[in-house]
C-alpha cells in the first residue's frame, strides 16, 4: 500500500472510525436497552459497561500497570 493511501485511511478513520470495537459497542447498547426495558423496577439498573466484557475500565488499567515496585518498596 502506498504511503499516500495509508495517510488517506488515517484521515478517514479520524472522521469515521471503523472496526470491530464499534460493532461491539453498538451490540452492547442494544443489549443494555433490552435489559433496561425488561428489568425489575425495584432492582438495580444494569450499566452499559456490564455488556462490554472486554472494555477496559480505569480500575483494570491501573491494575495492569502495576509493575511490582510498590510491593517491593513496602517489603524492604
C-alpha atoms as a PDB file:
ATOM      1  CA  UNK A   1       0.000   0.000   0.000  1.00  0.00           C
ATOM      2  CA  UNK A   2       1.473   3.348  -0.936  1.00  0.00           C
ATOM      3  CA  UNK A   3       2.101   5.802   1.879  1.00  0.00           C
ATOM      4  CA  UNK A   4      -0.382   8.238   0.368  1.00  0.00           C
ATOM      5  CA  UNK A   5      -3.188   5.654   0.595  1.00  0.00           C
ATOM      6  CA  UNK A   6      -2.253   4.872   4.193  1.00  0.00           C
ATOM      7  CA  UNK A   7      -2.409   8.578   5.077  1.00  0.00           C
ATOM      8  CA  UNK A   8      -5.862   8.766   3.473  1.00  0.00           C
ATOM      9  CA  UNK A   9      -7.038   5.802   5.571  1.00  0.00           C
ATOM     10  CA  UNK A  10      -5.749   7.514   8.710  1.00  0.00           C
ATOM     11  CA  UNK A  11      -7.651  10.712   7.898  1.00  0.00           C
ATOM     12  CA  UNK A  12     -10.798   8.743   7.098  1.00  0.00           C
ATOM     13  CA  UNK A  13     -10.515   6.810  10.392  1.00  0.00           C
ATOM     14  CA  UNK A  14     -10.286  10.083  12.330  1.00  0.00           C
ATOM     15  CA  UNK A  15     -13.574  11.225  10.803  1.00  0.00           C
ATOM     16  CA  UNK A  16     -15.389   7.873  10.585  1.00  0.00           C
ATOM     17  CA  UNK A  17     -13.925   5.272  12.985  1.00  0.00           C
ATOM     18  CA  UNK A  18     -14.454   1.697  11.903  1.00  0.00           C
ATOM     19  CA  UNK A  19     -13.614  -1.691  13.302  1.00  0.00           C
ATOM     20  CA  UNK A  20     -14.977  -4.468  15.478  1.00  0.00           C
ATOM     21  CA  UNK A  21     -15.000  -2.405  18.686  1.00  0.00           C
ATOM     22  CA  UNK A  22     -17.649  -0.164  17.132  1.00  0.00           C
ATOM     23  CA  UNK A  23     -19.831  -3.187  16.416  1.00  0.00           C
ATOM     24  CA  UNK A  24     -19.293  -4.474  19.950  1.00  0.00           C
ATOM     25  CA  UNK A  25     -20.340  -1.098  21.353  1.00  0.00           C
ATOM     26  CA  UNK A  26     -23.494  -0.989  19.244  1.00  0.00           C
ATOM     27  CA  UNK A  27     -24.408  -4.529  20.244  1.00  0.00           C
ATOM     28  CA  UNK A  28     -23.829  -3.653  23.897  1.00  0.00           C
ATOM     29  CA  UNK A  29     -26.118  -0.640  23.520  1.00  0.00           C
ATOM     30  CA  UNK A  30     -28.905  -2.849  22.147  1.00  0.00           C
ATOM     31  CA  UNK A  31     -28.441  -5.437  24.897  1.00  0.00           C
ATOM     32  CA  UNK A  32     -28.425  -2.686  27.530  1.00  0.00           C
ATOM     33  CA  UNK A  33     -31.619  -1.176  26.139  1.00  0.00           C
ATOM     34  CA  UNK A  34     -33.319  -4.588  26.134  1.00  0.00           C
ATOM     35  CA  UNK A  35     -32.198  -5.229  29.712  1.00  0.00           C
ATOM     36  CA  UNK A  36     -33.440  -1.803  30.839  1.00  0.00           C
ATOM     37  CA  UNK A  37     -36.861  -2.439  29.300  1.00  0.00           C
ATOM     38  CA  UNK A  38     -37.217  -5.891  30.886  1.00  0.00           C
ATOM     39  CA  UNK A  39     -35.600  -5.244  34.265  1.00  0.00           C
ATOM     40  CA  UNK A  40     -37.214  -5.439  37.677  1.00  0.00           C
ATOM     41  CA  UNK A  41     -38.293  -1.879  38.555  1.00  0.00           C
ATOM     42  CA  UNK A  42     -37.261  -2.409  42.176  1.00  0.00           C
ATOM     43  CA  UNK A  43     -33.861  -3.840  41.314  1.00  0.00           C
ATOM     44  CA  UNK A  44     -30.603  -2.192  40.395  1.00  0.00           C
ATOM     45  CA  UNK A  45     -30.463  -0.906  36.842  1.00  0.00           C
ATOM     46  CA  UNK A  46     -27.810  -2.577  34.671  1.00  0.00           C
ATOM     47  CA  UNK A  47     -24.985  -0.426  33.372  1.00  0.00           C
ATOM     48  CA  UNK A  48     -23.742  -0.323  29.808  1.00  0.00           C
ATOM     49  CA  UNK A  49     -20.265  -1.490  30.845  1.00  0.00           C
ATOM     50  CA  UNK A  50     -21.765  -4.781  32.073  1.00  0.00           C
ATOM     51  CA  UNK A  51     -22.497  -5.682  28.458  1.00  0.00           C
ATOM     52  CA  UNK A  52     -18.966  -4.924  27.252  1.00  0.00           C
ATOM     53  CA  UNK A  53     -16.764  -7.575  28.911  1.00  0.00           C
ATOM     54  CA  UNK A  54     -13.623  -6.620  27.004  1.00  0.00           C
ATOM     55  CA  UNK A  55     -13.969  -2.895  27.649  1.00  0.00           C
ATOM     56  CA  UNK A  56     -11.033  -1.598  29.704  1.00  0.00           C
ATOM     57  CA  UNK A  57     -12.236   0.062  32.848  1.00  0.00           C
ATOM     58  CA  UNK A  58      -9.990   2.528  34.642  1.00  0.00           C
ATOM     59  CA  UNK A  59      -9.539   0.165  37.631  1.00  0.00           C
ATOM     60  CA  UNK A  60      -8.424  -2.641  35.319  1.00  0.00           C
ATOM     61  CA  UNK A  61      -5.931  -0.392  33.556  1.00  0.00           C
ATOM     62  CA  UNK A  62      -4.402   0.713  36.849  1.00  0.00           C
ATOM     63  CA  UNK A  63      -4.035  -2.912  37.977  1.00  0.00           C
ATOM     64  CA  UNK A  64      -2.381  -3.864  34.701  1.00  0.00           C
ATOM     65  CA  UNK A  65       0.122  -1.003  35.002  1.00  0.00           C
ATOM     66  CA  UNK A  66       1.360  -2.253  38.397  1.00  0.00           C
ATOM     67  CA  UNK A  67       4.921  -3.436  37.891  1.00  0.00           C
ATOM     68  CA  UNK A  68       5.536  -4.523  41.492  1.00  0.00           C
ATOM     69  CA  UNK A  69       7.559  -1.504  42.588  1.00  0.00           C
ATOM     70  CA  UNK A  70       5.099  -0.506  45.333  1.00  0.00           C
ATOM     71  CA  UNK A  71       5.117  -4.035  46.748  1.00  0.00           C
ATOM     72  CA  UNK A  72       8.919  -4.151  46.647  1.00  0.00           C
ATOM     73  CA  UNK A  73       9.258  -0.822  48.448  1.00  0.00           C
ATOM     74  CA  UNK A  74       6.714  -1.845  51.097  1.00  0.00           C
ATOM     75  CA  UNK A  75       8.643  -5.042  51.918  1.00  0.00           C
ATOM     76  CA  UNK A  76      12.189  -3.679  52.021  1.00  0.00           C
END
